[in-house]
Amino acid sequence: MKQLRTPEPDDNSKPETDEGKLRRWVSNLQLESWQLELLITGFSIFLLATSINEYESFQYSFGFNKLVATSSSNVIFVDSGRFIINTIPIALKFFLVSLLIHLLLRGFWIGIVGLSSVSNTINIEGLNLKGPFKKRIPEKVRSLDDLIFYLDQVSSVIFAYTYLLAFSIISVVLVASFLFSMLGLGTYLQVAIGSNGGVTALILLLNFLLVALLFIAAIIFFLDTILFSAFKKSKWFSVLYYPIYRFYSVISLSFIYRSIYYHLITNYTKKQIISVSLVLGVTLFFVFKINNWNSYAYYPEVINANEYTIKKSNYDDERTGGFVGSASIPSRYIERDFLPLFIRYSPSSNEILDFLCPEFRGLERRASFTESFNAGVQSTRDTTLTIEDILGTDENYESLVKSSLDCMSTLYEVYLDGELIENVEFFYTRHPNEGEHGIETVLDIAGLARGKHVISVSRYQFRGNPLMNERITQERLNMKTFVKFPFWKE
């Protein structure tokens, strides 16, 4: 048998260029891309399926603790942030549905490949077809090789198209948040400059015109994307559109996925792209419809606990996850004569507290590096003292905390069976559930009869519009019930 030898290179042959090497590497990668697609798709589906619930927990915590309108100057900024975090679950579910469709097609493709290894032909003549079927079936039924090639193309396009649409959703959210932020900038400047009527009106007018102009430009930018770059093809309008395109390419981060977009619109017809978009859109629509299908038309949705509904999160021994949203007690069934009541502190009350007791802002103590270092040195010299003891020896701090607690206590009213409890003594605390900030009191229920009782907590609310820079006054504050739930004394 002859030995196989690598042929000697021809002296006249040209060396392979860098471009040729890159093309050969890409071609090899394309042949094996289905393996990477399956790996990434499976891993992404696993992450998405397990992270949606975790994200909802993060969304609630972040929205409650961070995205809170603590003053009239940041209302729109907060709404912009809420818009972002509330849109992400929709993008995640869309991403998950699209990847499931891709996985289904790839699985079908692998099945066809396996079948073709057994037999690669379809014996149409053996079916002995008659009438219109004799002509129609051979024309419409693909061979296995054609079907393998077609499914491979469709699967790869859907895989890339899924990421393109996911990034497009992110772009829309970023642009919308940018416009919200620009609108909020006018409100912030209005508060920062003061109550000069003429200047305030001028700022509002200029801000409105700027946001309107940016909004129209954003609509043009996204219309150009949807219409397959139609505005770029116009001889006169392309000159006007170019600055808009450059600006929003940065704001929307569309430069990241621009290559995918241009590849799709130049290699596939508009009909094909629209068809794929409609299939994914209709699938997602039905998924959301099925998910939101409510067969309990006569059953109320328990959003806020009240006297006639029971919300598990208000009872520590029944809470299986999540956060304390408003208030909680240890159990629904109470045996003892004292009942601890925890009321969660919401940063949304900061603006009211600024009005009631502005001198107590910034009570959280954070020692500097120098103070911590000196405390550490002092604790090594005197072993009877800890660093916490040294840092917490401010004689005025305890009285300051007491005064601030007295002020915060005026923010709430506690009712038991409809009767206001006078002189409620509160304490600052953090709930052991998830470390929620709040205040706690202990109610004496020794005199209550056996059976059902109702706790109700009211809180000051501002009757005004922060967007109009309306100031808080005592007359515009009113007590409003924000949580009510029952318990049973044994």
Protein backbone atom coordinates (compact mmCIF):
# COMPACT_ATOMS: atom_id res chain seq x y z
CA MET A 1 0.00 0.00 0.00
CA LYS A 2 1.32 3.38 -0.87
CA GLN A 3 2.09 5.74 1.93
CA LEU A 4 -0.03 8.87 1.94
CA ARG A 5 2.15 11.92 1.74
CA THR A 6 1.41 15.56 1.95
CA PRO A 7 2.12 17.02 -1.47
CA GLU A 8 5.08 19.29 -1.77
CA PRO A 9 4.10 22.92 -1.98
CA ASP A 10 4.28 24.42 -5.41
CA ASP A 11 6.82 27.18 -5.61
CA ASN A 12 4.49 29.11 -7.89
CA SER A 13 1.50 28.82 -5.51
CA LYS A 14 0.59 31.96 -3.67
CA PRO A 15 0.69 31.93 0.15
CA GLU A 16 -2.71 32.04 1.84
CA THR A 17 -3.66 35.57 2.82
CA ASP A 18 -4.96 36.59 6.23
CA GLU A 19 -8.37 37.13 4.67
CA GLY A 20 -8.35 33.61 3.26
CA LYS A 21 -7.38 32.13 6.62
CA LEU A 22 -10.19 34.06 8.30
CA ARG A 23 -12.70 32.91 5.67
CA ARG A 24 -11.60 29.28 6.08
CA TRP A 25 -11.83 29.54 9.87
CA VAL A 26 -15.30 31.06 9.66
CA SER A 27 -16.42 28.35 7.22
CA ASN A 28 -15.28 25.61 9.59
CA LEU A 29 -17.01 27.39 12.45
CA GLN A 30 -20.22 27.61 10.44
CA LEU A 31 -20.21 23.85 9.84
CA GLU A 32 -20.04 23.20 13.57
CA SER A 33 -22.20 26.14 14.68
CA TRP A 34 -25.22 23.94 15.41
CA GLN A 35 -23.36 22.41 18.35
CA LEU A 36 -22.66 25.84 19.81
CA GLU A 37 -26.26 26.86 19.18
CA LEU A 38 -27.60 23.87 21.09
CA LEU A 39 -25.14 24.38 23.93
CA ILE A 40 -25.91 28.09 24.30
CA THR A 41 -29.66 27.56 23.83
CA GLY A 42 -29.86 24.84 26.48
CA PHE A 43 -27.76 26.79 28.93
CA SER A 44 -29.74 30.00 28.29
CA ILE A 45 -33.10 28.24 28.72
CA PHE A 46 -31.92 26.79 32.03
CA LEU A 47 -30.73 30.19 33.27
CA LEU A 48 -33.86 32.00 32.11
CA ALA A 49 -36.25 29.42 33.57
CA THR A 50 -34.53 29.53 36.96
CA SER A 51 -33.85 33.26 37.08
CA ILE A 52 -37.29 34.72 36.31
CA ASN A 53 -38.59 34.07 39.83
CA GLU A 54 -35.32 35.29 41.35
CA TYR A 55 -35.52 38.43 39.26
CA GLU A 56 -39.07 39.10 40.48
CA SER A 57 -37.76 39.00 44.05
CA PHE A 58 -34.93 41.38 43.14
CA GLN A 59 -37.37 43.60 41.25
CA TYR A 60 -39.61 43.97 44.29
CA SER A 61 -36.73 44.63 46.69
CA PHE A 62 -34.97 47.10 44.39
CA GLY A 63 -38.21 48.89 43.57
CA PHE A 64 -39.22 49.21 47.22
CA ASN A 65 -35.84 50.26 48.65
CA LYS A 66 -34.16 52.15 45.80
CA LEU A 67 -36.64 53.27 43.15
CA VAL A 68 -38.66 55.48 45.44
CA ALA A 69 -39.66 59.09 44.81
CA THR A 70 -38.11 60.64 47.91
CA SER A 71 -38.60 64.19 46.62
CA SER A 72 -40.42 66.03 43.86
CA SER A 73 -37.18 66.43 41.90
CA ASN A 74 -36.62 62.73 41.26
CA VAL A 75 -40.14 61.46 40.48
CA ILE A 76 -39.52 61.06 36.75
CA PHE A 77 -36.06 59.55 37.28
CA VAL A 78 -37.67 56.95 39.54
CA ASP A 79 -40.41 56.25 36.98
CA SER A 80 -37.71 55.81 34.35
CA GLY A 81 -35.95 53.24 36.51
CA ARG A 82 -39.20 51.42 37.23
CA PHE A 83 -39.94 51.33 33.51
CA ILE A 84 -36.63 49.57 32.92
CA ILE A 85 -36.93 46.93 35.61
CA ASN A 86 -40.61 46.27 34.78
CA THR A 87 -39.80 45.73 31.09
CA ILE A 88 -36.99 43.24 31.70
CA PRO A 89 -39.34 40.32 32.65
CA ILE A 90 -41.17 40.76 29.31
CA ALA A 91 -37.85 40.60 27.46
CA LEU A 92 -36.80 37.53 29.46
CA LYS A 93 -40.04 35.68 28.64
CA PHE A 94 -39.78 36.63 24.97
CA PHE A 95 -36.19 35.42 24.94
CA LEU A 96 -37.22 32.14 26.60
CA VAL A 97 -40.06 31.47 24.13
CA SER A 98 -37.83 32.21 21.12
CA LEU A 99 -35.08 29.90 22.39
CA LEU A 100 -37.62 27.12 23.00
CA ILE A 101 -38.77 27.44 19.37
CA HIS A 102 -35.14 27.30 18.24
CA LEU A 103 -34.48 24.23 20.40
CA LEU A 104 -37.56 22.51 18.94
CA LEU A 105 -36.40 23.17 15.37
CA ARG A 106 -32.86 22.03 16.11
CA GLY A 107 -34.18 18.85 17.69
CA PHE A 108 -36.30 18.23 14.60
CA TRP A 109 -33.24 18.90 12.43
CA ILE A 110 -31.14 16.37 14.36
CA GLY A 111 -33.94 13.81 13.97
CA ILE A 112 -33.97 14.33 10.19
CA VAL A 113 -30.17 13.99 10.05
CA GLY A 114 -30.42 10.71 11.95
CA LEU A 115 -33.19 9.48 9.65
CA SER A 116 -31.18 10.36 6.53
CA SER A 117 -28.32 8.17 7.75
CA VAL A 118 -30.68 5.16 7.53
CA SER A 119 -32.36 6.04 4.25
CA ASN A 120 -31.92 9.18 2.19
CA THR A 121 -34.62 8.66 -0.44
CA ILE A 122 -38.39 9.00 -0.55
CA ASN A 123 -40.07 6.43 -2.80
CA ILE A 124 -42.91 8.56 -4.13
CA GLU A 125 -43.71 6.09 -6.90
CA GLY A 126 -44.23 3.35 -4.34
CA LEU A 127 -47.15 5.30 -2.88
CA ASN A 128 -49.09 4.78 -6.14
CA LEU A 129 -50.67 8.24 -5.91
CA LYS A 130 -53.61 9.14 -8.13
CA GLY A 131 -55.31 12.28 -9.33
CA PRO A 132 -54.03 15.67 -8.17
CA PHE A 133 -51.88 14.04 -5.48
CA LYS A 134 -49.66 12.45 -8.15
CA LYS A 135 -48.55 15.92 -9.27
CA ARG A 136 -48.88 17.86 -6.04
CA ILE A 137 -47.01 15.63 -3.59
CA PRO A 138 -43.72 15.32 -5.56
CA GLU A 139 -43.66 19.09 -6.06
CA LYS A 140 -44.23 20.01 -2.42
CA VAL A 141 -42.44 17.28 -0.48
CA ARG A 142 -38.77 18.10 0.04
CA SER A 143 -36.05 15.50 -0.05
CA LEU A 144 -34.36 14.80 3.27
CA ASP A 145 -31.19 16.59 2.12
CA ASP A 146 -33.17 19.68 1.15
CA LEU A 147 -35.09 19.57 4.43
CA ILE A 148 -31.86 19.24 6.43
CA PHE A 149 -30.36 22.24 4.65
CA TYR A 150 -33.56 24.29 5.00
CA LEU A 151 -34.02 23.56 8.72
CA ASP A 152 -30.36 24.31 9.38
CA GLN A 153 -30.74 27.74 7.79
CA VAL A 154 -34.03 28.51 9.55
CA SER A 155 -32.68 27.45 12.95
CA SER A 156 -29.54 29.56 12.59
CA VAL A 157 -31.54 32.59 11.46
CA ILE A 158 -34.03 32.27 14.35
CA PHE A 159 -31.12 31.93 16.79
CA ALA A 160 -29.51 35.15 15.54
CA TYR A 161 -32.88 36.87 15.15
CA THR A 162 -33.78 36.08 18.76
CA TYR A 163 -30.73 37.94 20.02
CA LEU A 164 -31.40 40.77 17.58
CA LEU A 165 -34.94 41.25 18.92
CA ALA A 166 -33.77 40.94 22.52
CA PHE A 167 -31.21 43.68 21.95
CA SER A 168 -33.84 45.74 20.12
CA ILE A 169 -36.12 45.59 23.17
CA ILE A 170 -33.20 46.76 25.30
CA SER A 171 -32.64 49.64 22.87
CA VAL A 172 -36.27 50.76 23.11
CA VAL A 173 -36.10 50.67 26.91
CA LEU A 174 -32.84 52.65 26.96
CA VAL A 175 -34.18 55.34 24.63
CA ALA A 176 -37.44 55.62 26.59
CA SER A 177 -35.48 55.91 29.83
CA PHE A 178 -33.30 58.60 28.28
CA LEU A 179 -36.39 60.61 27.30
CA PHE A 180 -37.87 60.16 30.79
CA SER A 181 -34.60 61.35 32.30
CA MET A 182 -34.51 64.43 30.10
CA LEU A 183 -38.06 65.20 31.18
CA GLY A 184 -37.03 64.75 34.82
CA LEU A 185 -34.08 67.08 34.31
CA GLY A 186 -36.49 69.96 33.80
CA THR A 187 -38.26 69.15 37.07
CA TYR A 188 -34.93 68.92 38.87
CA LEU A 189 -33.76 72.29 37.52
CA GLN A 190 -37.11 73.79 38.47
CA VAL A 191 -36.62 72.70 42.09
CA ALA A 192 -32.92 73.64 42.16
CA ILE A 193 -33.39 77.18 40.82
CA GLY A 194 -36.31 78.07 43.07
CA SER A 195 -39.77 79.51 42.83
CA ASN A 196 -39.08 82.32 40.36
CA GLY A 197 -42.22 82.14 38.22
CA GLY A 198 -40.76 83.49 34.98
CA VAL A 199 -37.61 81.37 35.10
CA THR A 200 -39.60 78.26 36.05
CA ALA A 201 -42.00 78.72 33.12
CA LEU A 202 -39.08 79.24 30.72
CA ILE A 203 -37.34 76.08 31.98
CA LEU A 204 -40.52 74.04 31.59
CA LEU A 205 -41.10 75.37 28.07
CA LEU A 206 -37.52 74.73 26.90
CA ASN A 207 -37.51 71.30 28.50
CA PHE A 208 -40.81 70.37 26.85
CA LEU A 209 -39.58 71.50 23.42
CA LEU A 210 -36.31 69.59 23.85
CA VAL A 211 -38.04 66.38 24.92
CA ALA A 212 -40.59 66.70 22.09
CA LEU A 213 -37.77 67.12 19.56
CA LEU A 214 -35.86 64.14 20.97
CA PHE A 215 -39.05 62.05 20.99
CA ILE A 216 -39.75 62.77 17.31
CA ALA A 217 -36.13 61.93 16.48
CA ALA A 218 -36.42 58.64 18.38
CA ILE A 219 -39.59 57.72 16.45
CA ILE A 220 -37.75 58.41 13.18
CA PHE A 221 -34.81 56.27 14.33
CA PHE A 222 -36.95 53.24 15.18
CA LEU A 223 -39.11 53.66 12.06
CA ASP A 224 -35.98 53.49 9.95
CA THR A 225 -35.06 50.21 11.66
CA ILE A 226 -38.53 48.73 11.17
CA LEU A 227 -38.73 49.89 7.53
CA PHE A 228 -35.45 48.17 6.59
CA SER A 229 -33.31 51.37 6.53
CA ALA A 230 -35.72 53.23 4.24
CA PHE A 231 -34.62 56.68 5.45
CA LYS A 232 -30.97 55.92 4.69
CA LYS A 233 -31.91 55.40 1.03
CA SER A 234 -33.46 58.86 0.62
CA LYS A 235 -31.09 61.25 -1.15
CA TRP A 236 -32.19 64.39 0.69
CA PHE A 237 -33.53 63.01 3.98
CA SER A 238 -30.45 60.86 4.64
CA VAL A 239 -28.43 64.03 5.25
CA LEU A 240 -30.87 65.19 7.94
CA TYR A 241 -31.22 61.71 9.37
CA TYR A 242 -27.49 60.99 9.75
CA PRO A 243 -26.98 63.03 13.00
CA ILE A 244 -30.09 61.38 14.50
CA TYR A 245 -28.75 57.97 13.52
CA ARG A 246 -25.34 58.62 15.08
CA PHE A 247 -26.83 60.02 18.29
CA TYR A 248 -29.35 57.26 18.95
CA SER A 249 -26.91 54.55 17.90
CA VAL A 250 -24.98 55.44 21.05
CA ILE A 251 -28.02 55.94 23.31
CA SER A 252 -29.66 52.67 22.20
CA LEU A 253 -26.39 50.69 21.97
CA SER A 254 -27.53 49.55 18.52
CA PHE A 255 -23.94 49.58 17.27
CA ILE A 256 -23.47 46.30 19.18
CA TYR A 257 -25.90 44.31 17.04
CA ARG A 258 -25.83 46.38 13.84
CA SER A 259 -23.98 43.68 11.88
CA ILE A 260 -26.74 41.12 12.58
CA TYR A 261 -29.40 43.59 11.46
CA TYR A 262 -27.74 44.46 8.15
CA HIS A 263 -26.94 40.81 7.45
CA LEU A 264 -30.57 39.81 7.86
CA ILE A 265 -32.07 42.61 5.74
CA THR A 266 -29.55 42.06 2.93
CA ASN A 267 -29.68 38.24 2.78
CA TYR A 268 -33.38 37.61 3.37
CA THR A 269 -36.49 39.09 1.84
CA LYS A 270 -38.81 41.40 3.72
CA LYS A 271 -41.51 38.75 3.51
CA GLN A 272 -39.31 36.18 5.25
CA ILE A 273 -38.27 38.57 8.04
CA ILE A 274 -41.85 39.75 8.61
CA SER A 275 -43.08 36.14 8.65
CA VAL A 276 -40.56 35.13 11.33
CA SER A 277 -41.42 38.24 13.35
CA LEU A 278 -45.13 37.46 13.16
CA VAL A 279 -44.60 33.83 14.20
CA LEU A 280 -42.55 34.85 17.24
CA GLY A 281 -44.93 37.69 18.09
CA VAL A 282 -48.07 35.56 17.82
CA THR A 283 -46.44 32.79 19.87
CA LEU A 284 -45.47 35.24 22.59
CA PHE A 285 -48.95 36.80 22.50
CA PHE A 286 -50.64 33.44 23.10
CA VAL A 287 -48.14 32.56 25.83
CA PHE A 288 -49.02 35.77 27.69
CA LYS A 289 -52.74 35.21 27.08
CA ILE A 290 -52.58 31.68 28.47
CA ASN A 291 -50.47 32.85 31.40
CA ASN A 292 -52.97 35.62 32.24
CA TRP A 293 -56.05 33.54 31.59
CA ASN A 294 -58.31 34.01 34.59
CA SER A 295 -61.09 31.50 35.15
CA TYR A 296 -61.91 32.90 38.59
CA ALA A 297 -64.04 35.83 37.45
CA TYR A 298 -65.88 36.07 40.78
CA TYR A 299 -62.81 35.75 42.99
CA PRO A 300 -61.06 38.96 44.15
CA GLU A 301 -57.36 39.46 43.60
CA VAL A 302 -55.66 39.78 46.98
CA ILE A 303 -53.26 42.69 46.46
CA ASN A 304 -53.57 44.53 49.76
CA ALA A 305 -54.68 42.69 52.87
CA ASN A 306 -57.95 43.84 54.36
CA GLU A 307 -60.54 42.71 56.85
CA TYR A 308 -62.06 40.23 54.41
CA THR A 309 -58.93 38.71 52.89
CA ILE A 310 -55.87 37.03 54.34
CA LYS A 311 -52.41 37.70 52.99
CA LYS A 312 -49.79 35.21 54.14
CA SER A 313 -46.98 37.78 54.08
CA ASN A 314 -48.57 39.55 57.08
CA TYR A 315 -47.92 36.52 59.32
CA ASP A 316 -44.33 35.55 60.07
CA ASP A 317 -45.07 31.85 60.59
CA GLU A 318 -46.95 31.55 57.26
CA ARG A 319 -44.63 33.56 55.02
CA THR A 320 -42.83 31.14 52.68
CA GLY A 321 -40.75 33.72 50.83
CA GLY A 322 -40.58 37.32 49.70
CA PHE A 323 -40.60 40.43 51.82
CA VAL A 324 -42.71 42.10 54.46
CA GLY A 325 -44.53 44.61 52.28
CA SER A 326 -46.37 46.70 54.87
CA ALA A 327 -46.78 45.17 58.34
CA SER A 328 -46.62 41.80 60.06
CA ILE A 329 -47.32 39.98 63.31
CA PRO A 330 -45.81 36.67 64.50
CA SER A 331 -48.88 34.53 63.79
CA ARG A 332 -52.53 34.56 62.80
CA TYR A 333 -53.39 32.79 66.05
CA ILE A 334 -52.22 34.53 69.26
CA GLU A 335 -52.04 32.78 72.63
CA ARG A 336 -50.21 35.40 74.70
CA ASP A 337 -51.34 38.75 76.08
CA PHE A 338 -48.75 40.78 74.16
CA LEU A 339 -48.70 41.09 70.37
CA PRO A 340 -45.60 42.44 68.53
CA LEU A 341 -46.50 44.54 65.47
CA PHE A 342 -43.83 45.34 62.85
CA ILE A 343 -44.45 48.21 60.42
CA ARG A 344 -42.10 48.42 57.46
CA TYR A 345 -40.59 51.83 56.80
CA SER A 346 -40.91 52.95 53.18
CA PRO A 347 -38.49 55.50 51.67
CA SER A 348 -41.52 56.97 49.89
CA SER A 349 -42.29 58.69 53.22
CA ASN A 350 -38.96 60.56 53.20
CA GLU A 351 -40.40 63.75 51.74
CA ILE A 352 -43.12 63.86 54.41
CA LEU A 353 -40.52 63.20 57.12
CA ASP A 354 -38.41 66.02 55.69
CA PHE A 355 -41.38 68.28 56.33
CA LEU A 356 -42.23 66.89 59.78
CA CYS A 357 -38.70 66.56 61.15
CA PRO A 358 -35.98 67.72 58.71
CA GLU A 359 -33.32 67.88 61.44
CA PHE A 360 -33.18 64.09 61.78
CA ARG A 361 -32.08 63.16 58.25
CA GLY A 362 -28.88 61.11 58.02
CA LEU A 363 -29.13 59.18 61.28
CA GLU A 364 -27.35 56.16 59.83
CA ARG A 365 -23.83 56.20 61.26
CA ARG A 366 -20.97 55.19 59.00
CA ALA A 367 -17.53 55.60 60.51
CA SER A 368 -14.72 56.83 58.30
CA PHE A 369 -11.56 54.80 57.75
CA THR A 370 -9.62 57.02 60.17
CA GLU A 371 -12.25 56.67 62.90
CA SER A 372 -12.36 52.89 62.45
CA PHE A 373 -8.56 52.66 62.50
CA ASN A 374 -8.27 54.74 65.68
CA ALA A 375 -11.02 52.67 67.31
CA GLY A 376 -9.13 49.49 66.42
CA VAL A 377 -5.91 50.82 67.97
CA GLN A 378 -7.77 51.91 71.11
CA SER A 379 -9.47 48.51 71.48
CA THR A 380 -6.10 46.74 71.38
CA ARG A 381 -4.87 48.93 74.24
CA ASP A 382 -8.01 48.43 76.32
CA THR A 383 -9.27 44.86 75.89
CA THR A 384 -12.45 45.62 77.85
CA LEU A 385 -13.72 47.75 74.96
CA THR A 386 -14.74 46.58 71.50
CA ILE A 387 -14.59 48.64 68.33
CA GLU A 388 -18.40 48.89 68.34
CA ASP A 389 -18.32 50.25 71.92
CA ILE A 390 -15.79 52.92 70.99
CA LEU A 391 -17.59 54.01 67.83
CA GLY A 392 -20.92 54.10 69.60
CA THR A 393 -20.01 56.28 72.58
CA ASP A 394 -21.60 59.44 71.22
CA GLU A 395 -23.64 60.70 74.17
CA ASN A 396 -25.91 62.81 71.99
CA TYR A 397 -26.68 60.09 69.46
CA GLU A 398 -29.08 58.13 71.69
CA SER A 399 -31.14 61.22 72.49
CA LEU A 400 -31.12 62.11 68.78
CA VAL A 401 -32.46 58.65 67.91
CA LYS A 402 -35.18 58.99 70.55
CA SER A 403 -36.27 62.36 69.19
CA SER A 404 -36.35 61.06 65.62
CA LEU A 405 -38.38 58.03 66.74
CA ASP A 406 -40.91 60.33 68.40
CA CYS A 407 -41.17 62.24 65.14
CA MET A 408 -41.54 59.10 63.01
CA SER A 409 -44.23 57.83 65.37
CA THR A 410 -46.42 60.74 64.28
CA LEU A 411 -46.34 59.29 60.77
CA TYR A 412 -48.47 56.29 61.76
CA GLU A 413 -51.70 55.50 63.58
CA VAL A 414 -52.53 52.00 64.83
CA TYR A 415 -56.13 50.84 65.24
CA LEU A 416 -57.38 47.70 66.96
CA ASP A 417 -60.93 46.70 66.06
CA GLY A 418 -61.51 50.22 64.74
CA GLU A 419 -60.35 52.03 67.89
CA LEU A 420 -57.26 54.24 67.83
CA ILE A 421 -54.52 53.08 70.20
CA GLU A 422 -53.16 56.11 72.04
CA ASN A 423 -49.51 56.67 73.03
CA VAL A 424 -48.08 53.80 71.00
CA GLU A 425 -44.43 53.18 71.90
CA PHE A 426 -42.33 52.32 68.84
CA PHE A 427 -38.78 50.98 68.51
CA TYR A 428 -36.45 50.98 65.53
CA THR A 429 -35.74 47.45 64.33
CA ARG A 430 -34.97 45.32 61.29
CA HIS A 431 -37.17 42.32 60.58
CA PRO A 432 -35.39 38.94 60.67
CA ASN A 433 -37.11 37.88 57.43
CA GLU A 434 -34.93 39.80 54.94
CA GLY A 435 -33.60 42.59 57.13
CA GLU A 436 -36.45 44.95 56.25
CA HIS A 437 -36.17 48.39 57.90
CA GLY A 438 -39.05 49.39 60.11
CA ILE A 439 -40.44 50.17 63.53
CA GLU A 440 -42.04 47.81 66.02
CA THR A 441 -44.45 48.12 68.90
CA VAL A 442 -45.94 45.63 71.34
CA LEU A 443 -49.71 45.75 71.80
CA ASP A 444 -51.35 44.76 75.08
CA ILE A 445 -54.26 42.49 74.11
CA ALA A 446 -54.93 40.97 77.54
CA GLY A 447 -58.37 42.56 77.63
CA LEU A 448 -59.45 41.27 74.22
CA ALA A 449 -62.08 38.57 74.02
CA ARG A 450 -61.41 35.22 72.42
CA GLY A 451 -61.98 35.26 68.66
CA LYS A 452 -61.35 37.44 65.62
CA HIS A 453 -59.84 40.93 65.83
CA VAL A 454 -58.59 43.37 63.19
CA ILE A 455 -55.39 45.44 63.15
CA SER A 456 -55.35 48.53 60.96
CA VAL A 457 -52.40 50.86 60.31
CA SER A 458 -52.78 54.32 58.77
CA ARG A 459 -50.00 56.51 57.42
CA TYR A 460 -49.65 60.14 56.39
CA GLN A 461 -49.97 60.73 52.66
CA PHE A 462 -49.44 63.90 50.66
CA ARG A 463 -52.42 65.07 48.61
CA GLY A 464 -50.53 66.83 45.86
CA ASN A 465 -48.72 66.45 42.56
CA PRO A 466 -44.91 66.31 42.90
CA LEU A 467 -44.54 66.92 39.15
CA MET A 468 -46.07 70.37 39.63
CA ASN A 469 -43.56 71.12 42.40
CA GLU A 470 -46.35 71.46 44.96
CA ARG A 471 -45.09 71.99 48.48
CA ILE A 472 -46.07 69.84 51.44
CA THR A 473 -48.15 71.58 54.08
CA GLN A 474 -49.88 70.24 57.17
CA GLU A 475 -53.26 70.88 55.55
CA ARG A 476 -52.34 68.69 52.55
CA LEU A 477 -51.37 65.70 54.70
CA ASN A 478 -54.04 63.16 55.55
CA MET A 479 -54.06 59.79 57.28
CA LYS A 480 -54.92 56.90 54.98
CA THR A 481 -55.19 53.20 55.80
CA PHE A 482 -52.46 51.27 54.01
CA VAL A 483 -52.78 47.85 55.65
CA LYS A 484 -55.51 45.98 57.52
CA PHE A 485 -55.53 42.31 58.49
CA PRO A 486 -57.24 40.01 61.01
CA PHE A 487 -55.90 37.76 63.76
CA TRP A 488 -57.51 35.39 66.25
CA LYS A 489 -56.90 35.35 69.97
CA GLU A 490 -57.10 31.94 71.59
